[in-house]
C-alpha cells in the first residue's frame, strides 16, 4: 500500500512554506526600517491557511505566459501594516513590532518543523511495525 504524504503530513508543509515566506517579508521590513516612504508589509496567516484548506484560491496563474501578480505570496495578498505612530518620512516600519512579529514567526516555524518531524516518526514506526 502506497503512503500518501499529503494525507500523512496534513497542512504542516504548507504552513512551513508560509512561515518561510512571512519571515522573508518581515526581514525585508526590518532591513528597510530607515528607508523613507517604505511601507511595512505582512501576511494574514489565518486567512491564507483557511483559503488553502478550502481550496478557494480565486484567480490562479494557469500558464507561464500569464502575468504574475506582484502583490501576492503563495496565492495571498500582501497587506500593509498600519503604524501605531506615524513617521515624518512616510516609513511605516516600527522596528520593535517587526522584531516581535519576526520572533513569533520563528517560534511558529520551529513548531511546524516539530509537527512534521513527529509525523515522519509516526510513519517510520508504522513502516517498521513498532
C-alpha atoms as a PDB file:
ATOM      1  CA  UNK A   1       0.000   0.000   0.000  1.00  0.00           C
ATOM      2  CA  UNK A   2       1.401   3.379  -1.006  1.00  0.00           C
ATOM      3  CA  UNK A   3       1.812   6.168   1.530  1.00  0.00           C
ATOM      4  CA  UNK A   4       0.048   9.409   0.671  1.00  0.00           C
ATOM      5  CA  UNK A   5       2.301  12.102   2.139  1.00  0.00           C
ATOM      6  CA  UNK A   6      -0.313  14.810   1.629  1.00  0.00           C
ATOM      7  CA  UNK A   7      -2.660  12.974   3.974  1.00  0.00           C
ATOM      8  CA  UNK A   8       0.081  11.855   6.358  1.00  0.00           C
ATOM      9  CA  UNK A   9       1.649  15.286   6.830  1.00  0.00           C
ATOM     10  CA  UNK A  10      -1.620  17.248   6.832  1.00  0.00           C
ATOM     11  CA  UNK A  11      -1.234  21.030   6.488  1.00  0.00           C
ATOM     12  CA  UNK A  12       2.222  21.265   8.047  1.00  0.00           C
ATOM     13  CA  UNK A  13       4.281  21.522   4.814  1.00  0.00           C
ATOM     14  CA  UNK A  14       2.062  24.384   3.588  1.00  0.00           C
ATOM     15  CA  UNK A  15       2.313  26.094   6.976  1.00  0.00           C
ATOM     16  CA  UNK A  16       6.093  25.734   6.890  1.00  0.00           C
ATOM     17  CA  UNK A  17       6.312  27.304   3.415  1.00  0.00           C
ATOM     18  CA  UNK A  18       4.054  30.142   4.508  1.00  0.00           C
ATOM     19  CA  UNK A  19       6.112  30.782   7.646  1.00  0.00           C
ATOM     20  CA  UNK A  20       9.260  30.873   5.490  1.00  0.00           C
ATOM     21  CA  UNK A  21       7.775  33.489   3.150  1.00  0.00           C
ATOM     22  CA  UNK A  22       6.496  35.519   6.096  1.00  0.00           C
ATOM     23  CA  UNK A  23       9.974  35.575   7.642  1.00  0.00           C
ATOM     24  CA  UNK A  24      11.368  36.947   4.362  1.00  0.00           C
ATOM     25  CA  UNK A  25       8.741  39.708   4.328  1.00  0.00           C
ATOM     26  CA  UNK A  26       9.349  40.628   7.981  1.00  0.00           C
ATOM     27  CA  UNK A  27      13.130  40.632   7.420  1.00  0.00           C
ATOM     28  CA  UNK A  28      12.638  42.988   4.456  1.00  0.00           C
ATOM     29  CA  UNK A  29      10.609  45.277   6.718  1.00  0.00           C
ATOM     30  CA  UNK A  30      13.424  45.346   9.264  1.00  0.00           C
ATOM     31  CA  UNK A  31      16.051  45.917   6.582  1.00  0.00           C
ATOM     32  CA  UNK A  32      14.113  48.938   5.306  1.00  0.00           C
ATOM     33  CA  UNK A  33      13.384  50.494   8.697  1.00  0.00           C
ATOM     34  CA  UNK A  34      15.292  53.650   7.705  1.00  0.00           C
ATOM     35  CA  UNK A  35      14.138  53.859   4.082  1.00  0.00           C
ATOM     36  CA  UNK A  36      11.919  56.904   3.500  1.00  0.00           C
ATOM     37  CA  UNK A  37       8.387  56.095   2.294  1.00  0.00           C
ATOM     38  CA  UNK A  38       8.870  52.320   2.767  1.00  0.00           C
ATOM     39  CA  UNK A  39       5.618  50.656   3.763  1.00  0.00           C
ATOM     40  CA  UNK A  40       5.771  47.666   6.124  1.00  0.00           C
ATOM     41  CA  UNK A  41       4.079  44.528   4.727  1.00  0.00           C
ATOM     42  CA  UNK A  42       2.785  41.316   6.256  1.00  0.00           C
ATOM     43  CA  UNK A  43       0.688  38.244   5.527  1.00  0.00           C
ATOM     44  CA  UNK A  44      -2.555  37.214   7.191  1.00  0.00           C
ATOM     45  CA  UNK A  45      -1.585  33.643   8.119  1.00  0.00           C
ATOM     46  CA  UNK A  46      -5.069  32.576   9.244  1.00  0.00           C
ATOM     47  CA  UNK A  47      -6.729  33.827   6.066  1.00  0.00           C
ATOM     48  CA  UNK A  48      -4.161  32.150   3.816  1.00  0.00           C
ATOM     49  CA  UNK A  49      -4.337  28.849   5.658  1.00  0.00           C
ATOM     50  CA  UNK A  50      -8.137  28.779   5.637  1.00  0.00           C
ATOM     51  CA  UNK A  51      -8.055  29.638   1.935  1.00  0.00           C
ATOM     52  CA  UNK A  52      -5.615  26.788   1.336  1.00  0.00           C
ATOM     53  CA  UNK A  53      -7.776  24.348   3.286  1.00  0.00           C
ATOM     54  CA  UNK A  54     -10.963  25.299   1.469  1.00  0.00           C
ATOM     55  CA  UNK A  55      -9.212  25.278  -1.948  1.00  0.00           C
ATOM     56  CA  UNK A  56     -10.808  28.582  -2.863  1.00  0.00           C
ATOM     57  CA  UNK A  57      -7.672  30.196  -4.221  1.00  0.00           C
ATOM     58  CA  UNK A  58      -9.575  32.546  -6.524  1.00  0.00           C
ATOM     59  CA  UNK A  59      -7.656  33.579  -9.621  1.00  0.00           C
ATOM     60  CA  UNK A  60      -4.808  31.252 -10.474  1.00  0.00           C
ATOM     61  CA  UNK A  61      -1.917  31.502 -12.877  1.00  0.00           C
ATOM     62  CA  UNK A  62      -2.519  28.514 -15.134  1.00  0.00           C
ATOM     63  CA  UNK A  63       0.035  29.289 -17.822  1.00  0.00           C
ATOM     64  CA  UNK A  64       3.646  30.514 -17.752  1.00  0.00           C
ATOM     65  CA  UNK A  65       2.697  33.325 -20.125  1.00  0.00           C
ATOM     66  CA  UNK A  66       0.124  34.774 -17.725  1.00  0.00           C
ATOM     67  CA  UNK A  67       1.221  37.870 -15.880  1.00  0.00           C
ATOM     68  CA  UNK A  68       2.108  37.087 -12.266  1.00  0.00           C
ATOM     69  CA  UNK A  69       0.804  39.455  -9.628  1.00  0.00           C
ATOM     70  CA  UNK A  70       3.491  41.312  -7.696  1.00  0.00           C
ATOM     71  CA  UNK A  71       1.172  41.728  -4.699  1.00  0.00           C
ATOM     72  CA  UNK A  72       0.643  38.075  -3.775  1.00  0.00           C
ATOM     73  CA  UNK A  73       2.671  35.450  -1.957  1.00  0.00           C
ATOM     74  CA  UNK A  74       1.562  31.819  -2.129  1.00  0.00           C
ATOM     75  CA  UNK A  75      -1.746  32.990  -3.558  1.00  0.00           C
ATOM     76  CA  UNK A  76      -2.429  35.511  -0.800  1.00  0.00           C
ATOM     77  CA  UNK A  77      -2.414  39.278  -0.823  1.00  0.00           C
ATOM     78  CA  UNK A  78       0.407  41.118   0.874  1.00  0.00           C
ATOM     79  CA  UNK A  79      -1.090  43.528   3.373  1.00  0.00           C
ATOM     80  CA  UNK A  80       0.247  46.884   4.537  1.00  0.00           C
ATOM     81  CA  UNK A  81       0.792  47.339   8.249  1.00  0.00           C
ATOM     82  CA  UNK A  82      -0.742  50.425   9.847  1.00  0.00           C
ATOM     83  CA  UNK A  83       1.799  52.102  12.126  1.00  0.00           C
ATOM     84  CA  UNK A  84       0.943  52.919  15.721  1.00  0.00           C
ATOM     85  CA  UNK A  85       2.987  56.101  15.482  1.00  0.00           C
ATOM     86  CA  UNK A  86       3.354  57.937  12.192  1.00  0.00           C
ATOM     87  CA  UNK A  87       6.823  58.728  10.867  1.00  0.00           C
ATOM     88  CA  UNK A  88       7.725  62.071   9.300  1.00  0.00           C
ATOM     89  CA  UNK A  89       9.461  60.409   6.333  1.00  0.00           C
ATOM     90  CA  UNK A  90       6.444  58.204   5.471  1.00  0.00           C
ATOM     91  CA  UNK A  91       8.085  54.960   6.622  1.00  0.00           C
ATOM     92  CA  UNK A  92       5.631  52.649   8.413  1.00  0.00           C
ATOM     93  CA  UNK A  93       8.199  50.193   9.825  1.00  0.00           C
ATOM     94  CA  UNK A  94       8.282  50.101  13.607  1.00  0.00           C
ATOM     95  CA  UNK A  95      11.345  48.048  14.476  1.00  0.00           C
ATOM     96  CA  UNK A  96      10.112  46.791  17.840  1.00  0.00           C
ATOM     97  CA  UNK A  97       6.890  45.490  16.312  1.00  0.00           C
ATOM     98  CA  UNK A  98       8.671  43.891  13.367  1.00  0.00           C
ATOM     99  CA  UNK A  99      11.182  42.218  15.698  1.00  0.00           C
ATOM    100  CA  UNK A 100       8.363  40.828  17.831  1.00  0.00           C
ATOM    101  CA  UNK A 101       6.491  39.549  14.755  1.00  0.00           C
ATOM    102  CA  UNK A 102       9.705  38.007  13.410  1.00  0.00           C
ATOM    103  CA  UNK A 103      10.420  36.232  16.715  1.00  0.00           C
ATOM    104  CA  UNK A 104       6.828  34.984  16.925  1.00  0.00           C
ATOM    105  CA  UNK A 105       7.036  33.677  13.358  1.00  0.00           C
ATOM    106  CA  UNK A 106      10.353  31.933  14.128  1.00  0.00           C
ATOM    107  CA  UNK A 107       8.784  30.076  17.069  1.00  0.00           C
ATOM    108  CA  UNK A 108       5.823  29.048  14.919  1.00  0.00           C
ATOM    109  CA  UNK A 109       8.219  27.908  12.180  1.00  0.00           C
ATOM    110  CA  UNK A 110      10.013  25.692  14.694  1.00  0.00           C
ATOM    111  CA  UNK A 111       6.654  24.294  15.840  1.00  0.00           C
ATOM    112  CA  UNK A 112       5.740  23.414  12.250  1.00  0.00           C
ATOM    113  CA  UNK A 113       9.095  21.666  11.836  1.00  0.00           C
ATOM    114  CA  UNK A 114       8.468  19.688  15.020  1.00  0.00           C
ATOM    115  CA  UNK A 115       4.992  18.649  13.805  1.00  0.00           C
ATOM    116  CA  UNK A 116       6.472  17.391  10.530  1.00  0.00           C
ATOM    117  CA  UNK A 117       9.230  15.568  12.421  1.00  0.00           C
ATOM    118  CA  UNK A 118       6.624  13.877  14.633  1.00  0.00           C
ATOM    119  CA  UNK A 119       4.587  12.883  11.568  1.00  0.00           C
ATOM    120  CA  UNK A 120       7.661  11.264   9.983  1.00  0.00           C
ATOM    121  CA  UNK A 121       8.462   9.440  13.230  1.00  0.00           C
ATOM    122  CA  UNK A 122       4.919   8.049  13.208  1.00  0.00           C
ATOM    123  CA  UNK A 123       5.274   6.947   9.592  1.00  0.00           C
ATOM    124  CA  UNK A 124       8.614   5.275  10.311  1.00  0.00           C
ATOM    125  CA  UNK A 125       7.096   3.482  13.286  1.00  0.00           C
ATOM    126  CA  UNK A 126       4.213   2.253  11.125  1.00  0.00           C
ATOM    127  CA  UNK A 127       6.588   1.063   8.401  1.00  0.00           C
ATOM    128  CA  UNK A 128       8.734  -0.850  10.920  1.00  0.00           C
ATOM    129  CA  UNK A 129       5.637  -2.258  12.600  1.00  0.00           C
ATOM    130  CA  UNK A 130       6.517  -0.929  16.062  1.00  0.00           C
END
